[in-house]
Amino acid sequence: MGNREDLLAGAKRCLMEKGYTATTARDVATAAGTSLAAIGYHFRTTKALLNEALAEAMAEWGEELGRALAQDAGPDATPEQRFEAAWERIIESFARLRPLWAIQFELIAQMDRAPELREAFATANRQARLGLAEIFHRLDPAADEAAALALGGFHQALLGGVAAQWLVDPGSAPSAKELTRTLRTVAGEFGQRRPGPGRPGPDGAPGPRSAT
């Protein structure tokens, strides 16, 4: 590898070990086995180097997660079984990819001061939503992009929420089975018919009275 590739590899190692804000130019140069001047020559600034290294690391993470989720639960699997199998693989990946999840949450607080990061994350978020809709619902994003973005947004919100819980306390974060059971409960509640005026609700309580 040349100095540029060495610097990117060294920056990625530092990001995984130290995080974004704690990584210095000297850290990267030492990890890459290059001089400090090489950073300025190839990237102009340490921030530009870290941003490119982060983009590469996130792309690699996305590819790894995509490969894991692409493993089908079986041709006869129900949507519920596919959902649970996918979440088992996602949760297994948290331990391997913990530093990248931590960096993403670290950078959210800095996006107002780093518009280039906001733009990069927005682009990555859009692609992630389309990919998640394709994985979980077998929906071709090109066929119905609006539906794919909406469905993918739901799964992305779930993914980020579970990741946050896992980073804080892995032992108490929901399992794939618990997520499946809870989603079934919520879907069942949405499917319940709302009691009409005077009719008892599902718990036996009277329904709302009509205005007279």
C-alpha atoms as a PDB file:
ATOM      1  CA  MET A   1       0.000   0.000   0.000  1.00  0.00           C
ATOM      2  CA  GLY A   2       1.033   3.612  -0.533  1.00  0.00           C
ATOM      3  CA  ASN A   3       1.045   6.315   2.104  1.00  0.00           C
ATOM      4  CA  ARG A   4      -2.531   7.327   1.305  1.00  0.00           C
ATOM      5  CA  GLU A   5      -3.870   3.808   1.796  1.00  0.00           C
ATOM      6  CA  ASP A   6      -1.722   3.382   4.904  1.00  0.00           C
ATOM      7  CA  LEU A   7      -3.178   6.565   6.367  1.00  0.00           C
ATOM      8  CA  LEU A   8      -6.755   5.446   5.705  1.00  0.00           C
ATOM      9  CA  ALA A   9      -6.083   2.042   7.261  1.00  0.00           C
ATOM     10  CA  GLY A  10      -4.403   3.668  10.261  1.00  0.00           C
ATOM     11  CA  ALA A  11      -7.244   6.161  10.666  1.00  0.00           C
ATOM     12  CA  LYS A  12      -9.817   3.351  10.647  1.00  0.00           C
ATOM     13  CA  ARG A  13      -7.890   1.500  13.359  1.00  0.00           C
ATOM     14  CA  CYS A  14      -7.731   4.671  15.464  1.00  0.00           C
ATOM     15  CA  LEU A  15     -11.441   5.329  14.992  1.00  0.00           C
ATOM     16  CA  MET A  16     -12.244   1.826  16.233  1.00  0.00           C
ATOM     17  CA  GLU A  17      -9.934   2.141  19.237  1.00  0.00           C
ATOM     18  CA  LYS A  18     -10.285   5.812  20.256  1.00  0.00           C
ATOM     19  CA  GLY A  19     -13.407   7.167  18.597  1.00  0.00           C
ATOM     20  CA  TYR A  20     -13.679  10.217  16.366  1.00  0.00           C
ATOM     21  CA  THR A  21     -13.047  13.182  18.656  1.00  0.00           C
ATOM     22  CA  ALA A  22     -10.193  11.568  20.608  1.00  0.00           C
ATOM     23  CA  THR A  23      -8.145  10.614  17.540  1.00  0.00           C
ATOM     24  CA  THR A  24      -5.254  12.975  16.790  1.00  0.00           C
ATOM     25  CA  ALA A  25      -3.066  13.435  13.727  1.00  0.00           C
ATOM     26  CA  ARG A  26      -0.143  11.910  15.624  1.00  0.00           C
ATOM     27  CA  ASP A  27      -2.269   8.873  16.507  1.00  0.00           C
ATOM     28  CA  VAL A  28      -3.037   8.272  12.849  1.00  0.00           C
ATOM     29  CA  ALA A  29       0.516   8.876  11.643  1.00  0.00           C
ATOM     30  CA  THR A  30       1.856   6.440  14.252  1.00  0.00           C
ATOM     31  CA  ALA A  31      -0.735   3.790  13.361  1.00  0.00           C
ATOM     32  CA  ALA A  32      -0.018   4.223   9.658  1.00  0.00           C
ATOM     33  CA  GLY A  33       3.759   4.315  10.038  1.00  0.00           C
ATOM     34  CA  THR A  34       3.994   7.623   8.151  1.00  0.00           C
ATOM     35  CA  SER A  35       4.979  11.185   8.909  1.00  0.00           C
ATOM     36  CA  LEU A  36       2.578  13.896  10.032  1.00  0.00           C
ATOM     37  CA  ALA A  37       3.362  15.757   6.832  1.00  0.00           C
ATOM     38  CA  ALA A  38       1.879  12.886   4.812  1.00  0.00           C
ATOM     39  CA  ILE A  39      -1.576  13.701   6.185  1.00  0.00           C
ATOM     40  CA  GLY A  40      -1.398  17.256   4.828  1.00  0.00           C
ATOM     41  CA  TYR A  41       0.004  16.064   1.516  1.00  0.00           C
ATOM     42  CA  HIS A  42      -2.710  13.484   0.842  1.00  0.00           C
ATOM     43  CA  PHE A  43      -5.748  14.890   2.710  1.00  0.00           C
ATOM     44  CA  ARG A  44      -4.899  18.512   3.621  1.00  0.00           C
ATOM     45  CA  THR A  45      -6.451  18.145   7.104  1.00  0.00           C
ATOM     46  CA  THR A  46      -6.792  15.439   9.747  1.00  0.00           C
ATOM     47  CA  LYS A  47     -10.565  15.949   9.764  1.00  0.00           C
ATOM     48  CA  ALA A  48     -10.774  15.262   6.024  1.00  0.00           C
ATOM     49  CA  LEU A  49      -8.778  12.066   6.543  1.00  0.00           C
ATOM     50  CA  LEU A  50     -10.967  10.932   9.426  1.00  0.00           C
ATOM     51  CA  ASN A  51     -14.142  11.694   7.480  1.00  0.00           C
ATOM     52  CA  GLU A  52     -12.984   9.624   4.501  1.00  0.00           C
ATOM     53  CA  ALA A  53     -11.844   6.797   6.760  1.00  0.00           C
ATOM     54  CA  LEU A  54     -15.190   6.872   8.561  1.00  0.00           C
ATOM     55  CA  ALA A  55     -17.084   6.768   5.259  1.00  0.00           C
ATOM     56  CA  GLU A  56     -15.061   3.731   4.181  1.00  0.00           C
ATOM     57  CA  ALA A  57     -15.587   1.999   7.526  1.00  0.00           C
ATOM     58  CA  MET A  58     -19.333   2.616   7.408  1.00  0.00           C
ATOM     59  CA  ALA A  59     -19.546   1.327   3.842  1.00  0.00           C
ATOM     60  CA  GLU A  60     -17.696  -1.832   4.874  1.00  0.00           C
ATOM     61  CA  TRP A  61     -20.023  -2.180   7.876  1.00  0.00           C
ATOM     62  CA  GLY A  62     -23.066  -1.769   5.655  1.00  0.00           C
ATOM     63  CA  GLU A  63     -21.806  -4.453   3.286  1.00  0.00           C
ATOM     64  CA  GLU A  64     -21.130  -6.857   6.153  1.00  0.00           C
ATOM     65  CA  LEU A  65     -24.547  -6.250   7.678  1.00  0.00           C
ATOM     66  CA  GLY A  66     -26.191  -6.612   4.278  1.00  0.00           C
ATOM     67  CA  ARG A  67     -24.486  -9.958   3.695  1.00  0.00           C
ATOM     68  CA  ALA A  68     -25.599 -11.170   7.118  1.00  0.00           C
ATOM     69  CA  LEU A  69     -29.199 -10.099   6.562  1.00  0.00           C
ATOM     70  CA  ALA A  70     -29.283 -11.532   3.046  1.00  0.00           C
ATOM     71  CA  GLN A  71     -29.037 -15.052   4.485  1.00  0.00           C
ATOM     72  CA  ASP A  72     -32.592 -16.233   3.961  1.00  0.00           C
ATOM     73  CA  ALA A  73     -34.459 -17.973   6.774  1.00  0.00           C
ATOM     74  CA  GLY A  74     -35.715 -20.499   4.211  1.00  0.00           C
ATOM     75  CA  PRO A  75     -38.095 -20.550   1.247  1.00  0.00           C
ATOM     76  CA  ASP A  76     -41.053 -21.505   3.431  1.00  0.00           C
ATOM     77  CA  ALA A  77     -40.327 -18.987   6.205  1.00  0.00           C
ATOM     78  CA  THR A  78     -43.144 -16.641   7.182  1.00  0.00           C
ATOM     79  CA  PRO A  79     -42.560 -12.864   7.379  1.00  0.00           C
ATOM     80  CA  GLU A  80     -42.468 -13.237  11.170  1.00  0.00           C
ATOM     81  CA  GLN A  81     -39.798 -15.950  10.973  1.00  0.00           C
ATOM     82  CA  ARG A  82     -37.738 -13.870   8.546  1.00  0.00           C
ATOM     83  CA  PHE A  83     -38.005 -10.876  10.878  1.00  0.00           C
ATOM     84  CA  GLU A  84     -36.803 -12.862  13.892  1.00  0.00           C
ATOM     85  CA  ALA A  85     -33.979 -14.551  11.969  1.00  0.00           C
ATOM     86  CA  ALA A  86     -32.774 -11.190  10.639  1.00  0.00           C
ATOM     87  CA  TRP A  87     -32.803  -9.674  14.115  1.00  0.00           C
ATOM     88  CA  GLU A  88     -30.818 -12.577  15.509  1.00  0.00           C
ATOM     89  CA  ARG A  89     -28.096 -11.789  12.981  1.00  0.00           C
ATOM     90  CA  ILE A  90     -28.297  -8.043  13.679  1.00  0.00           C
ATOM     91  CA  ILE A  91     -27.877  -8.537  17.421  1.00  0.00           C
ATOM     92  CA  GLU A  92     -24.981 -10.925  16.861  1.00  0.00           C
ATOM     93  CA  SER A  93     -23.278  -8.192  14.806  1.00  0.00           C
ATOM     94  CA  PHE A  94     -23.458  -5.607  17.602  1.00  0.00           C
ATOM     95  CA  ALA A  95     -20.480  -7.119  19.446  1.00  0.00           C
ATOM     96  CA  ARG A  96     -18.296  -7.154  16.317  1.00  0.00           C
ATOM     97  CA  LEU A  97     -19.338  -3.702  15.156  1.00  0.00           C
ATOM     98  CA  ARG A  98     -19.696  -1.984  18.520  1.00  0.00           C
ATOM     99  CA  PRO A  99     -17.084   0.738  17.827  1.00  0.00           C
ATOM    100  CA  LEU A 100     -18.858   1.836  14.658  1.00  0.00           C
ATOM    101  CA  TRP A 101     -22.195   2.100  16.431  1.00  0.00           C
ATOM    102  CA  ALA A 102     -20.531   4.108  19.214  1.00  0.00           C
ATOM    103  CA  ILE A 103     -18.950   6.480  16.687  1.00  0.00           C
ATOM    104  CA  GLN A 104     -22.275   7.094  14.971  1.00  0.00           C
ATOM    105  CA  PHE A 105     -23.895   8.141  18.243  1.00  0.00           C
ATOM    106  CA  GLU A 106     -20.801  10.213  19.093  1.00  0.00           C
ATOM    107  CA  LEU A 107     -21.068  12.130  15.838  1.00  0.00           C
ATOM    108  CA  ILE A 108     -24.786  12.885  16.029  1.00  0.00           C
ATOM    109  CA  ALA A 109     -24.040  15.561  18.633  1.00  0.00           C
ATOM    110  CA  GLN A 110     -21.500  17.198  16.313  1.00  0.00           C
ATOM    111  CA  MET A 111     -23.473  17.353  13.085  1.00  0.00           C
ATOM    112  CA  ASP A 112     -24.560  20.958  13.540  1.00  0.00           C
ATOM    113  CA  ARG A 113     -20.876  21.912  13.412  1.00  0.00           C
ATOM    114  CA  ALA A 114     -19.974  19.513  10.600  1.00  0.00           C
ATOM    115  CA  PRO A 115     -22.326  19.880   7.608  1.00  0.00           C
ATOM    116  CA  GLU A 116     -20.215  17.483   5.557  1.00  0.00           C
ATOM    117  CA  LEU A 117     -20.898  14.753   8.117  1.00  0.00           C
ATOM    118  CA  ARG A 118     -24.625  15.530   8.098  1.00  0.00           C
ATOM    119  CA  GLU A 119     -24.700  15.199   4.314  1.00  0.00           C
ATOM    120  CA  ALA A 120     -22.765  11.935   4.393  1.00  0.00           C
ATOM    121  CA  PHE A 121     -25.020  10.476   7.084  1.00  0.00           C
ATOM    122  CA  ALA A 122     -28.167  11.595   5.260  1.00  0.00           C
ATOM    123  CA  THR A 123     -27.037   9.816   2.097  1.00  0.00           C
ATOM    124  CA  ALA A 124     -26.106   6.686   4.043  1.00  0.00           C
ATOM    125  CA  ASN A 125     -29.440   6.758   5.900  1.00  0.00           C
ATOM    126  CA  ARG A 126     -31.408   6.870   2.664  1.00  0.00           C
ATOM    127  CA  GLN A 127     -29.536   3.909   1.211  1.00  0.00           C
ATOM    128  CA  ALA A 128     -29.939   1.995   4.465  1.00  0.00           C
ATOM    129  CA  ARG A 129     -33.703   2.543   4.459  1.00  0.00           C
ATOM    130  CA  LEU A 130     -34.047   1.279   0.892  1.00  0.00           C
ATOM    131  CA  GLY A 131     -31.883  -1.743   1.682  1.00  0.00           C
ATOM    132  CA  LEU A 132     -33.818  -2.630   4.828  1.00  0.00           C
ATOM    133  CA  ALA A 133     -37.137  -2.516   2.962  1.00  0.00           C
ATOM    134  CA  GLU A 134     -35.719  -4.893   0.384  1.00  0.00           C
ATOM    135  CA  ILE A 135     -34.375  -7.282   3.032  1.00  0.00           C
ATOM    136  CA  PHE A 136     -37.359  -7.367   5.379  1.00  0.00           C
ATOM    137  CA  HIS A 137     -40.173  -7.015   2.850  1.00  0.00           C
ATOM    138  CA  ARG A 138     -38.602  -8.172  -0.416  1.00  0.00           C
ATOM    139  CA  LEU A 139     -39.706  -4.863  -1.862  1.00  0.00           C
ATOM    140  CA  ASP A 140     -37.853  -3.587  -4.911  1.00  0.00           C
ATOM    141  CA  PRO A 141     -37.029   0.054  -4.072  1.00  0.00           C
ATOM    142  CA  ALA A 142     -37.155   0.970  -7.749  1.00  0.00           C
ATOM    143  CA  ALA A 143     -40.751  -0.276  -7.970  1.00  0.00           C
ATOM    144  CA  ASP A 144     -42.082   1.835  -5.091  1.00  0.00           C
ATOM    145  CA  GLU A 145     -39.448   4.102  -3.585  1.00  0.00           C
ATOM    146  CA  ALA A 146     -41.854   5.964  -1.295  1.00  0.00           C
ATOM    147  CA  ALA A 147     -43.089   2.730   0.293  1.00  0.00           C
ATOM    148  CA  ALA A 148     -39.535   1.426   0.563  1.00  0.00           C
ATOM    149  CA  LEU A 149     -38.384   4.580   2.352  1.00  0.00           C
ATOM    150  CA  ALA A 150     -41.326   4.437   4.773  1.00  0.00           C
ATOM    151  CA  LEU A 151     -40.890   0.749   5.591  1.00  0.00           C
ATOM    152  CA  GLY A 152     -37.112   1.068   5.753  1.00  0.00           C
ATOM    153  CA  GLY A 153     -37.454   4.085   8.037  1.00  0.00           C
ATOM    154  CA  PHE A 154     -39.430   1.998  10.501  1.00  0.00           C
ATOM    155  CA  HIS A 155     -36.773  -0.717  10.580  1.00  0.00           C
ATOM    156  CA  GLN A 156     -33.987   1.855  10.790  1.00  0.00           C
ATOM    157  CA  ALA A 157     -35.663   3.492  13.789  1.00  0.00           C
ATOM    158  CA  LEU A 158     -35.931   0.084  15.431  1.00  0.00           C
ATOM    159  CA  LEU A 159     -32.323  -0.696  14.582  1.00  0.00           C
ATOM    160  CA  GLY A 160     -30.996   2.536  16.071  1.00  0.00           C
ATOM    161  CA  GLY A 161     -33.107   2.171  19.210  1.00  0.00           C
ATOM    162  CA  VAL A 162     -32.001  -1.389  19.897  1.00  0.00           C
ATOM    163  CA  ALA A 163     -28.382  -0.458  19.167  1.00  0.00           C
ATOM    164  CA  ALA A 164     -28.563   2.377  21.715  1.00  0.00           C
ATOM    165  CA  GLN A 165     -29.962   0.021  24.360  1.00  0.00           C
ATOM    166  CA  TRP A 166     -27.339  -2.591  23.552  1.00  0.00           C
ATOM    167  CA  LEU A 167     -24.485  -0.068  23.858  1.00  0.00           C
ATOM    168  CA  VAL A 168     -25.697   0.977  27.313  1.00  0.00           C
ATOM    169  CA  ASP A 169     -26.571  -2.444  28.706  1.00  0.00           C
ATOM    170  CA  PRO A 170     -26.372  -5.471  26.389  1.00  0.00           C
ATOM    171  CA  GLY A 171     -27.899  -7.744  29.001  1.00  0.00           C
ATOM    172  CA  SER A 172     -31.173  -5.832  29.160  1.00  0.00           C
ATOM    173  CA  ALA A 173     -31.533  -5.034  25.449  1.00  0.00           C
ATOM    174  CA  PRO A 174     -34.423  -6.876  23.769  1.00  0.00           C
ATOM    175  CA  SER A 175     -33.687 -10.166  22.044  1.00  0.00           C
ATOM    176  CA  ALA A 176     -34.861 -11.091  18.550  1.00  0.00           C
ATOM    177  CA  LYS A 177     -37.612 -13.242  20.044  1.00  0.00           C
ATOM    178  CA  GLU A 178     -38.769 -10.415  22.327  1.00  0.00           C
ATOM    179  CA  LEU A 179     -38.849  -7.954  19.436  1.00  0.00           C
ATOM    180  CA  THR A 180     -40.918 -10.376  17.368  1.00  0.00           C
ATOM    181  CA  ARG A 181     -43.359 -11.012  20.209  1.00  0.00           C
ATOM    182  CA  THR A 182     -43.736  -7.295  20.925  1.00  0.00           C
ATOM    183  CA  LEU A 183     -44.287  -6.402  17.284  1.00  0.00           C
ATOM    184  CA  ARG A 184     -46.981  -9.088  17.125  1.00  0.00           C
ATOM    185  CA  THR A 185     -48.665  -7.534  20.173  1.00  0.00           C
ATOM    186  CA  VAL A 186     -48.590  -4.028  18.704  1.00  0.00           C
ATOM    187  CA  ALA A 187     -49.909  -5.262  15.348  1.00  0.00           C
ATOM    188  CA  GLY A 188     -52.704  -7.102  17.164  1.00  0.00           C
ATOM    189  CA  GLU A 189     -53.701  -3.958  19.035  1.00  0.00           C
ATOM    190  CA  PHE A 190     -53.836  -1.999  15.791  1.00  0.00           C
ATOM    191  CA  GLY A 191     -56.113  -4.657  14.351  1.00  0.00           C
ATOM    192  CA  GLN A 192     -58.662  -4.400  17.121  1.00  0.00           C
ATOM    193  CA  ARG A 193     -61.951  -2.781  16.179  1.00  0.00           C
ATOM    194  CA  ARG A 194     -62.589   0.438  18.055  1.00  0.00           C
ATOM    195  CA  PRO A 195     -65.745   0.131  20.157  1.00  0.00           C
ATOM    196  CA  GLY A 196     -68.606   2.239  18.920  1.00  0.00           C
ATOM    197  CA  PRO A 197     -70.979   4.374  21.031  1.00  0.00           C
ATOM    198  CA  GLY A 198     -72.410   2.329  23.851  1.00  0.00           C
ATOM    199  CA  ARG A 199     -70.653  -0.900  22.805  1.00  0.00           C
ATOM    200  CA  PRO A 200     -68.254  -2.485  25.275  1.00  0.00           C
ATOM    201  CA  GLY A 201     -64.543  -2.256  24.569  1.00  0.00           C
ATOM    202  CA  PRO A 202     -62.179  -5.263  24.595  1.00  0.00           C
ATOM    203  CA  ASP A 203     -61.773  -4.952  28.367  1.00  0.00           C
ATOM    204  CA  GLY A 204     -65.522  -4.841  28.964  1.00  0.00           C
ATOM    205  CA  ALA A 205     -65.571  -1.076  29.548  1.00  0.00           C
ATOM    206  CA  PRO A 206     -68.310   0.852  27.779  1.00  0.00           C
ATOM    207  CA  GLY A 207     -67.390   2.526  24.521  1.00  0.00           C
ATOM    208  CA  PRO A 208     -67.594   6.302  23.992  1.00  0.00           C
ATOM    209  CA  ARG A 209     -71.010   7.891  24.022  1.00  0.00           C
ATOM    210  CA  SER A 210     -72.239   9.681  20.967  1.00  0.00           C
ATOM    211  CA  ALA A 211     -72.857  13.396  21.203  1.00  0.00           C
ATOM    212  CA  THR A 212     -76.494  14.373  21.278  1.00  0.00           C
END
